[in-house]
Amino acid sequence: MTATIERGSATASVKPPAETAKPGRKGGFLGSSNGKKAVMAITGAVMVLFLIGHMAGNLKSFAGAESFNSYAAFLRTMGEPIFPHRVLLTVVEVVMVVAVALHMWSAISLARRASKARPVKYAARRKSRANGYAVHTMRYGGVIIVLFVIYHLLDLTFGTVNPAGGGATPYDRLVEGFAPSRWWVTLFYVLALVMVGLHLRHGLWSAFQTLGLASSRSYRPLKAVAAGLSALLVIGFLAVPVAVAIGVIK
């Protein structure tokens, strides 16, 4: 049944509630905004756990070449003899690739949905500086992080752009990669890791909200956890390249 409002010869149709589209119906849970936010939160948690383990391994470089090279060798032999050489490391790499891909997919999907939700901008509106800052940090910071990861793999994992080459030990690639003469590489890492920290802080807080953990009582503690964990990871990752650049690790 369609309701009408008549004024003279003008008639305006009003859709009944039954005809209103149900949010999240198309595509199921993953097609809804809540589903995409959940994917972002879960994949983000996977990446944070990876970063914590990766940082702990990097810090072994302060113990010397033998300790760091042993850690690098362990990554390739973990699980032996139950699992063949490098199998578990490959599983971790595949999981990380899938997590990054799903994280980017959900982020892009949510951005497009938000853009379509308001196709026409208001003539006059107040723009939150905090929201604008967060959006730009997540958007452009994400691009910098992707470029950083690509260079990081070519530099320290494959040795393609590393002066020591792919045949050198992991410790030698680390020292040569952040040598004082290559200060621009260290500077790029500092910039990228700061972006990682800003991205992580905002992402952790968003994940807390998505998982329903944020409340009036937990607001400040969770904000502190997001900022503290982000700062810890940034400092932990920056410690190694800076130490090499200033000659502490050599």
C-alpha atoms as a PDB file:
ATOM      1  CA  MET A   1       0.000   0.000   0.000  1.00  0.00           C
ATOM      2  CA  THR A   2       1.341   3.409  -0.966  1.00  0.00           C
ATOM      3  CA  ALA A   3       0.552   6.498   1.065  1.00  0.00           C
ATOM      4  CA  THR A   4       0.023   9.808  -0.769  1.00  0.00           C
ATOM      5  CA  ILE A   5      -0.035  13.445   0.289  1.00  0.00           C
ATOM      6  CA  GLU A   6      -2.266  15.562  -1.924  1.00  0.00           C
ATOM      7  CA  ARG A   7      -2.154  19.332  -2.203  1.00  0.00           C
ATOM      8  CA  GLY A   8      -4.076  20.553  -5.196  1.00  0.00           C
ATOM      9  CA  SER A   9      -2.777  18.686  -8.196  1.00  0.00           C
ATOM     10  CA  ALA A  10       0.575  17.744  -6.593  1.00  0.00           C
ATOM     11  CA  THR A  11       0.996  14.218  -5.302  1.00  0.00           C
ATOM     12  CA  ALA A  12       4.071  12.872  -3.460  1.00  0.00           C
ATOM     13  CA  SER A  13       4.588   9.134  -3.001  1.00  0.00           C
ATOM     14  CA  VAL A  14       5.972   7.789   0.228  1.00  0.00           C
ATOM     15  CA  LYS A  15       7.504   4.312   0.406  1.00  0.00           C
ATOM     16  CA  PRO A  16       6.149   2.190   3.223  1.00  0.00           C
ATOM     17  CA  PRO A  17       8.605   0.745   5.765  1.00  0.00           C
ATOM     18  CA  ALA A  18       8.369  -2.701   4.178  1.00  0.00           C
ATOM     19  CA  GLU A  19      10.039  -1.435   1.019  1.00  0.00           C
ATOM     20  CA  THR A  20      13.023   0.070   2.832  1.00  0.00           C
ATOM     21  CA  ALA A  21      16.262  -1.720   2.071  1.00  0.00           C
ATOM     22  CA  LYS A  22      17.683  -3.690   4.957  1.00  0.00           C
ATOM     23  CA  PRO A  23      21.265  -2.754   5.766  1.00  0.00           C
ATOM     24  CA  GLY A  24      23.810  -5.557   5.448  1.00  0.00           C
ATOM     25  CA  ARG A  25      21.357  -7.870   3.638  1.00  0.00           C
ATOM     26  CA  LYS A  26      23.385  -7.959   0.427  1.00  0.00           C
ATOM     27  CA  GLY A  27      26.518 -10.040   0.787  1.00  0.00           C
ATOM     28  CA  GLY A  28      25.699 -11.284   4.280  1.00  0.00           C
ATOM     29  CA  PHE A  29      27.716 -10.300   7.334  1.00  0.00           C
ATOM     30  CA  LEU A  30      30.956  -9.649   5.413  1.00  0.00           C
ATOM     31  CA  GLY A  31      29.025  -7.387   3.073  1.00  0.00           C
ATOM     32  CA  SER A  32      27.907  -5.168   5.949  1.00  0.00           C
ATOM     33  CA  SER A  33      29.872  -2.331   7.495  1.00  0.00           C
ATOM     34  CA  ASN A  34      30.110  -4.221  10.793  1.00  0.00           C
ATOM     35  CA  GLY A  35      31.453  -7.269   8.985  1.00  0.00           C
ATOM     36  CA  LYS A  36      34.140  -5.263   7.210  1.00  0.00           C
ATOM     37  CA  LYS A  37      35.086  -3.552  10.469  1.00  0.00           C
ATOM     38  CA  ALA A  38      35.393  -6.957  12.129  1.00  0.00           C
ATOM     39  CA  VAL A  39      37.693  -8.118   9.324  1.00  0.00           C
ATOM     40  CA  MET A  40      39.824  -5.013   9.823  1.00  0.00           C
ATOM     41  CA  ALA A  41      40.006  -5.620  13.572  1.00  0.00           C
ATOM     42  CA  ILE A  42      40.931  -9.310  13.294  1.00  0.00           C
ATOM     43  CA  THR A  43      43.504  -8.872  10.526  1.00  0.00           C
ATOM     44  CA  GLY A  44      44.918  -5.887  12.387  1.00  0.00           C
ATOM     45  CA  ALA A  45      45.356  -8.028  15.499  1.00  0.00           C
ATOM     46  CA  VAL A  46      47.196 -10.658  13.439  1.00  0.00           C
ATOM     47  CA  MET A  47      49.569  -8.011  12.098  1.00  0.00           C
ATOM     48  CA  VAL A  48      50.181  -6.543  15.563  1.00  0.00           C
ATOM     49  CA  LEU A  49      51.157  -9.980  16.903  1.00  0.00           C
ATOM     50  CA  PHE A  50      53.512 -10.403  13.957  1.00  0.00           C
ATOM     51  CA  LEU A  51      55.074  -6.991  14.607  1.00  0.00           C
ATOM     52  CA  ILE A  52      55.683  -7.825  18.261  1.00  0.00           C
ATOM     53  CA  GLY A  53      57.468 -11.070  17.344  1.00  0.00           C
ATOM     54  CA  HIS A  54      59.412  -9.381  14.547  1.00  0.00           C
ATOM     55  CA  MET A  55      60.546  -6.580  16.854  1.00  0.00           C
ATOM     56  CA  ALA A  56      61.712  -9.050  19.498  1.00  0.00           C
ATOM     57  CA  GLY A  57      63.773 -10.862  16.871  1.00  0.00           C
ATOM     58  CA  ASN A  58      65.297  -7.645  15.535  1.00  0.00           C
ATOM     59  CA  LEU A  59      66.458  -6.641  19.015  1.00  0.00           C
ATOM     60  CA  LYS A  60      68.670  -9.740  19.106  1.00  0.00           C
ATOM     61  CA  SER A  61      71.057  -7.789  16.883  1.00  0.00           C
ATOM     62  CA  PHE A  62      72.206  -5.964  20.043  1.00  0.00           C
ATOM     63  CA  ALA A  63      73.524  -9.324  21.302  1.00  0.00           C
ATOM     64  CA  GLY A  64      75.853  -9.648  18.324  1.00  0.00           C
ATOM     65  CA  ALA A  65      76.120 -11.338  14.944  1.00  0.00           C
ATOM     66  CA  GLU A  66      75.892 -14.915  16.238  1.00  0.00           C
ATOM     67  CA  SER A  67      72.685 -14.280  18.176  1.00  0.00           C
ATOM     68  CA  PHE A  68      70.982 -12.484  15.298  1.00  0.00           C
ATOM     69  CA  ASN A  69      72.052 -15.022  12.672  1.00  0.00           C
ATOM     70  CA  SER A  70      70.859 -17.871  14.926  1.00  0.00           C
ATOM     71  CA  TYR A  71      67.467 -16.187  15.196  1.00  0.00           C
ATOM     72  CA  ALA A  72      67.298 -15.835  11.402  1.00  0.00           C
ATOM     73  CA  ALA A  73      68.217 -19.507  10.990  1.00  0.00           C
ATOM     74  CA  PHE A  74      65.590 -20.552  13.533  1.00  0.00           C
ATOM     75  CA  LEU A  75      62.859 -18.907  11.436  1.00  0.00           C
ATOM     76  CA  ARG A  76      63.695 -21.276   8.592  1.00  0.00           C
ATOM     77  CA  THR A  77      64.135 -24.413  10.690  1.00  0.00           C
ATOM     78  CA  MET A  78      61.328 -24.026  13.263  1.00  0.00           C
ATOM     79  CA  GLY A  79      59.135 -27.091  13.388  1.00  0.00           C
ATOM     80  CA  GLU A  80      61.840 -29.488  12.196  1.00  0.00           C
ATOM     81  CA  PRO A  81      61.931 -32.427  11.982  1.00  0.00           C
ATOM     82  CA  ILE A  82      58.136 -32.641  12.183  1.00  0.00           C
ATOM     83  CA  PHE A  83      57.785 -30.122   9.373  1.00  0.00           C
ATOM     84  CA  PRO A  84      60.145 -29.793   6.405  1.00  0.00           C
ATOM     85  CA  HIS A  85      62.606 -26.919   6.143  1.00  0.00           C
ATOM     86  CA  ARG A  86      60.964 -23.473   5.973  1.00  0.00           C
ATOM     87  CA  VAL A  87      57.378 -24.790   5.903  1.00  0.00           C
ATOM     88  CA  LEU A  88      56.185 -22.976   9.032  1.00  0.00           C
ATOM     89  CA  LEU A  89      57.853 -19.751   7.919  1.00  0.00           C
ATOM     90  CA  THR A  90      56.038 -20.041   4.602  1.00  0.00           C
ATOM     91  CA  VAL A  91      52.743 -20.561   6.452  1.00  0.00           C
ATOM     92  CA  VAL A  92      53.390 -17.388   8.459  1.00  0.00           C
ATOM     93  CA  GLU A  93      54.186 -15.479   5.270  1.00  0.00           C
ATOM     94  CA  VAL A  94      51.002 -16.680   3.577  1.00  0.00           C
ATOM     95  CA  VAL A  95      48.905 -15.769   6.613  1.00  0.00           C
ATOM     96  CA  MET A  96      50.450 -12.296   6.638  1.00  0.00           C
ATOM     97  CA  VAL A  97      49.815 -11.758   2.925  1.00  0.00           C
ATOM     98  CA  VAL A  98      46.171 -12.808   3.345  1.00  0.00           C
ATOM     99  CA  ALA A  99      45.795 -10.614   6.441  1.00  0.00           C
ATOM    100  CA  VAL A 100      47.232  -7.571   4.646  1.00  0.00           C
ATOM    101  CA  ALA A 101      45.063  -8.181   1.577  1.00  0.00           C
ATOM    102  CA  LEU A 102      41.875  -8.531   3.653  1.00  0.00           C
ATOM    103  CA  HIS A 103      42.822  -5.507   5.748  1.00  0.00           C
ATOM    104  CA  MET A 104      43.263  -3.358   2.638  1.00  0.00           C
ATOM    105  CA  TRP A 105      40.068  -4.730   1.058  1.00  0.00           C
ATOM    106  CA  SER A 106      37.978  -3.917   4.107  1.00  0.00           C
ATOM    107  CA  ALA A 107      39.534  -0.456   4.448  1.00  0.00           C
ATOM    108  CA  ILE A 108      38.891   0.423   0.789  1.00  0.00           C
ATOM    109  CA  SER A 109      35.357  -1.006   0.912  1.00  0.00           C
ATOM    110  CA  LEU A 110      34.497   1.011   4.007  1.00  0.00           C
ATOM    111  CA  ALA A 111      35.938   4.181   2.473  1.00  0.00           C
ATOM    112  CA  ARG A 112      33.881   3.712  -0.686  1.00  0.00           C
ATOM    113  CA  ARG A 113      30.743   2.993   1.313  1.00  0.00           C
ATOM    114  CA  ALA A 114      31.248   6.114   3.410  1.00  0.00           C
ATOM    115  CA  SER A 115      31.756   8.175   0.246  1.00  0.00           C
ATOM    116  CA  LYS A 116      28.581   6.833  -1.378  1.00  0.00           C
ATOM    117  CA  ALA A 117      26.586   7.416   1.791  1.00  0.00           C
ATOM    118  CA  ARG A 118      27.008  11.169   1.326  1.00  0.00           C
ATOM    119  CA  PRO A 119      27.505  11.809  -2.418  1.00  0.00           C
ATOM    120  CA  VAL A 120      26.626  15.514  -2.106  1.00  0.00           C
ATOM    121  CA  LYS A 121      28.588  17.591   0.351  1.00  0.00           C
ATOM    122  CA  TYR A 122      26.809  20.147   2.425  1.00  0.00           C
ATOM    123  CA  ALA A 123      27.345  23.765   1.375  1.00  0.00           C
ATOM    124  CA  ALA A 124      28.440  24.629   4.883  1.00  0.00           C
ATOM    125  CA  ARG A 125      29.585  22.054   7.390  1.00  0.00           C
ATOM    126  CA  ARG A 126      31.966  21.782  10.236  1.00  0.00           C
ATOM    127  CA  LYS A 127      34.878  19.508   9.608  1.00  0.00           C
ATOM    128  CA  SER A 128      36.421  17.808  12.580  1.00  0.00           C
ATOM    129  CA  ARG A 129      40.156  18.361  12.532  1.00  0.00           C
ATOM    130  CA  ALA A 130      40.701  15.177  14.510  1.00  0.00           C
ATOM    131  CA  ASN A 131      38.675  13.082  12.048  1.00  0.00           C
ATOM    132  CA  GLY A 132      40.365  14.701   9.058  1.00  0.00           C
ATOM    133  CA  TYR A 133      43.782  14.034  10.591  1.00  0.00           C
ATOM    134  CA  ALA A 134      42.912  10.396  11.277  1.00  0.00           C
ATOM    135  CA  VAL A 135      41.570   9.827   7.750  1.00  0.00           C
ATOM    136  CA  HIS A 136      44.643  11.327   6.090  1.00  0.00           C
ATOM    137  CA  THR A 137      46.968   9.416   8.420  1.00  0.00           C
ATOM    138  CA  MET A 138      45.316   6.090   7.641  1.00  0.00           C
ATOM    139  CA  ARG A 139      45.043   6.768   3.907  1.00  0.00           C
ATOM    140  CA  TYR A 140      48.456   8.204   3.025  1.00  0.00           C
ATOM    141  CA  GLY A 141      50.217   6.459   5.876  1.00  0.00           C
ATOM    142  CA  GLY A 142      48.982   3.156   4.478  1.00  0.00           C
ATOM    143  CA  VAL A 143      50.560   3.922   1.097  1.00  0.00           C
ATOM    144  CA  ILE A 144      53.901   4.769   2.744  1.00  0.00           C
ATOM    145  CA  ILE A 145      53.743   1.575   4.796  1.00  0.00           C
ATOM    146  CA  VAL A 146      53.142  -0.565   1.694  1.00  0.00           C
ATOM    147  CA  LEU A 147      56.138   1.040  -0.079  1.00  0.00           C
ATOM    148  CA  PHE A 148      58.198   0.555   3.078  1.00  0.00           C
ATOM    149  CA  VAL A 149      57.351  -3.148   3.298  1.00  0.00           C
ATOM    150  CA  ILE A 150      58.304  -3.686  -0.362  1.00  0.00           C
ATOM    151  CA  TYR A 151      61.647  -1.938   0.089  1.00  0.00           C
ATOM    152  CA  HIS A 152      62.241  -3.697   3.399  1.00  0.00           C
ATOM    153  CA  LEU A 153      61.854  -7.103   1.749  1.00  0.00           C
ATOM    154  CA  LEU A 154      64.110  -6.168  -1.179  1.00  0.00           C
ATOM    155  CA  ASP A 155      66.701  -4.760   1.220  1.00  0.00           C
ATOM    156  CA  LEU A 156      66.990  -7.087   4.208  1.00  0.00           C
ATOM    157  CA  THR A 157      65.193 -10.264   3.132  1.00  0.00           C
ATOM    158  CA  PHE A 158      66.242 -10.771  -0.490  1.00  0.00           C
ATOM    159  CA  GLY A 159      69.272  -8.460  -0.471  1.00  0.00           C
ATOM    160  CA  THR A 160      68.428  -7.133  -3.936  1.00  0.00           C
ATOM    161  CA  VAL A 161      69.064  -3.488  -3.047  1.00  0.00           C
ATOM    162  CA  ASN A 162      71.395  -4.198  -0.136  1.00  0.00           C
ATOM    163  CA  PRO A 163      75.135  -3.424  -0.566  1.00  0.00           C
ATOM    164  CA  ALA A 164      76.078  -6.764   1.020  1.00  0.00           C
ATOM    165  CA  GLY A 165      73.945  -8.711  -1.463  1.00  0.00           C
ATOM    166  CA  GLY A 166      71.619 -11.661  -1.006  1.00  0.00           C
ATOM    167  CA  GLY A 167      74.463 -14.071  -0.222  1.00  0.00           C
ATOM    168  CA  ALA A 168      75.556 -12.243   2.930  1.00  0.00           C
ATOM    169  CA  THR A 169      74.481 -13.233   6.417  1.00  0.00           C
ATOM    170  CA  PRO A 170      71.378 -11.525   7.849  1.00  0.00           C
ATOM    171  CA  TYR A 171      73.551  -9.602  10.328  1.00  0.00           C
ATOM    172  CA  ASP A 172      75.877  -8.325   7.588  1.00  0.00           C
ATOM    173  CA  ARG A 173      72.898  -7.207   5.486  1.00  0.00           C
ATOM    174  CA  LEU A 174      71.528  -5.392   8.527  1.00  0.00           C
ATOM    175  CA  VAL A 175      74.791  -3.562   9.240  1.00  0.00           C
ATOM    176  CA  GLU A 176      75.479  -2.704   5.611  1.00  0.00           C
ATOM    177  CA  GLY A 177      71.884  -1.673   4.984  1.00  0.00           C
ATOM    178  CA  PHE A 178      71.887   0.997   7.714  1.00  0.00           C
ATOM    179  CA  ALA A 179      75.530   2.058   7.420  1.00  0.00           C
ATOM    180  CA  PRO A 180      76.179   5.760   8.190  1.00  0.00           C
ATOM    181  CA  SER A 181      76.845   6.433   4.502  1.00  0.00           C
ATOM    182  CA  ARG A 182      73.295   5.290   3.725  1.00  0.00           C
ATOM    183  CA  TRP A 183      71.679   7.788   6.094  1.00  0.00           C
ATOM    184  CA  TRP A 184      68.839   8.333   3.618  1.00  0.00           C
ATOM    185  CA  VAL A 185      67.761   4.703   4.068  1.00  0.00           C
ATOM    186  CA  THR A 186      67.650   5.139   7.836  1.00  0.00           C
ATOM    187  CA  LEU A 187      65.698   8.376   7.410  1.00  0.00           C
ATOM    188  CA  PHE A 188      63.171   6.584   5.187  1.00  0.00           C
ATOM    189  CA  TYR A 189      62.782   3.848   7.797  1.00  0.00           C
ATOM    190  CA  VAL A 190      62.230   6.456  10.531  1.00  0.00           C
ATOM    191  CA  LEU A 191      59.519   8.163   8.463  1.00  0.00           C
ATOM    192  CA  ALA A 192      57.840   4.879   7.584  1.00  0.00           C
ATOM    193  CA  LEU A 193      57.901   3.591  11.159  1.00  0.00           C
ATOM    194  CA  VAL A 194      56.406   6.831  12.473  1.00  0.00           C
ATOM    195  CA  MET A 195      53.593   6.306   9.963  1.00  0.00           C
ATOM    196  CA  VAL A 196      53.262   2.719  11.207  1.00  0.00           C
ATOM    197  CA  GLY A 197      52.916   4.035  14.751  1.00  0.00           C
ATOM    198  CA  LEU A 198      50.232   6.591  13.842  1.00  0.00           C
ATOM    199  CA  HIS A 199      48.400   4.011  11.739  1.00  0.00           C
ATOM    200  CA  LEU A 200      48.628   1.458  14.542  1.00  0.00           C
ATOM    201  CA  ARG A 201      47.426   3.835  17.245  1.00  0.00           C
ATOM    202  CA  HIS A 202      44.322   4.798  15.286  1.00  0.00           C
ATOM    203  CA  GLY A 203      43.763   1.195  14.169  1.00  0.00           C
ATOM    204  CA  LEU A 204      43.965  -0.216  17.692  1.00  0.00           C
ATOM    205  CA  TRP A 205      41.485   2.326  19.009  1.00  0.00           C
ATOM    206  CA  SER A 206      39.113   1.587  16.106  1.00  0.00           C
ATOM    207  CA  ALA A 207      39.445  -2.139  16.816  1.00  0.00           C
ATOM    208  CA  PHE A 208      38.544  -1.605  20.477  1.00  0.00           C
ATOM    209  CA  GLN A 209      35.431   0.260  19.373  1.00  0.00           C
ATOM    210  CA  THR A 210      34.504  -2.367  16.766  1.00  0.00           C
ATOM    211  CA  LEU A 211      34.842  -5.189  19.308  1.00  0.00           C
ATOM    212  CA  GLY A 212      32.642  -3.285  21.755  1.00  0.00           C
ATOM    213  CA  LEU A 213      35.384  -2.805  24.344  1.00  0.00           C
ATOM    214  CA  ALA A 214      35.248   0.984  24.405  1.00  0.00           C
ATOM    215  CA  SER A 215      32.971   2.580  26.990  1.00  0.00           C
ATOM    216  CA  SER A 216      32.868   5.703  29.114  1.00  0.00           C
ATOM    217  CA  ARG A 217      34.937   3.958  31.799  1.00  0.00           C
ATOM    218  CA  SER A 218      37.425   2.268  29.505  1.00  0.00           C
ATOM    219  CA  TYR A 219      37.871   5.211  27.103  1.00  0.00           C
ATOM    220  CA  ARG A 220      41.004   6.672  28.675  1.00  0.00           C
ATOM    221  CA  PRO A 221      42.696   3.317  29.540  1.00  0.00           C
ATOM    222  CA  LEU A 222      42.162   1.933  26.049  1.00  0.00           C
ATOM    223  CA  LYS A 223      43.394   5.167  24.479  1.00  0.00           C
ATOM    224  CA  ALA A 224      46.514   4.837  26.627  1.00  0.00           C
ATOM    225  CA  VAL A 225      46.962   1.169  25.618  1.00  0.00           C
ATOM    226  CA  ALA A 226      46.694   2.044  21.915  1.00  0.00           C
ATOM    227  CA  ALA A 227      49.181   4.908  22.226  1.00  0.00           C
ATOM    228  CA  GLY A 228      51.550   2.980  24.509  1.00  0.00           C
ATOM    229  CA  LEU A 229      51.713  -0.178  22.383  1.00  0.00           C
ATOM    230  CA  SER A 230      52.203   1.882  19.226  1.00  0.00           C
ATOM    231  CA  ALA A 231      55.026   3.883  20.812  1.00  0.00           C
ATOM    232  CA  LEU A 232      56.673   0.699  22.131  1.00  0.00           C
ATOM    233  CA  LEU A 233      56.683  -0.924  18.695  1.00  0.00           C
ATOM    234  CA  VAL A 234      57.985   2.194  16.953  1.00  0.00           C
ATOM    235  CA  ILE A 235      60.801   2.661  19.473  1.00  0.00           C
ATOM    236  CA  GLY A 236      61.664  -1.041  19.350  1.00  0.00           C
ATOM    237  CA  PHE A 237      61.887  -1.094  15.566  1.00  0.00           C
ATOM    238  CA  LEU A 238      63.751   2.229  15.339  1.00  0.00           C
ATOM    239  CA  ALA A 239      66.328   1.196  17.924  1.00  0.00           C
ATOM    240  CA  VAL A 240      68.139  -1.151  15.519  1.00  0.00           C
ATOM    241  CA  PRO A 241      68.601   1.052  12.409  1.00  0.00           C
ATOM    242  CA  VAL A 242      69.497   4.069  14.558  1.00  0.00           C
ATOM    243  CA  ALA A 243      72.018   1.981  16.545  1.00  0.00           C
ATOM    244  CA  VAL A 244      73.651   0.822  13.311  1.00  0.00           C
ATOM    245  CA  ALA A 245      73.690   4.351  11.894  1.00  0.00           C
ATOM    246  CA  ILE A 246      75.496   5.764  14.936  1.00  0.00           C
ATOM    247  CA  GLY A 247      77.914   2.835  15.236  1.00  0.00           C
ATOM    248  CA  VAL A 248      76.537   1.058  18.321  1.00  0.00           C
ATOM    249  CA  ILE A 249      75.807  -2.054  16.245  1.00  0.00           C
ATOM    250  CA  LYS A 250      78.672  -2.804  13.869  1.00  0.00           C
END
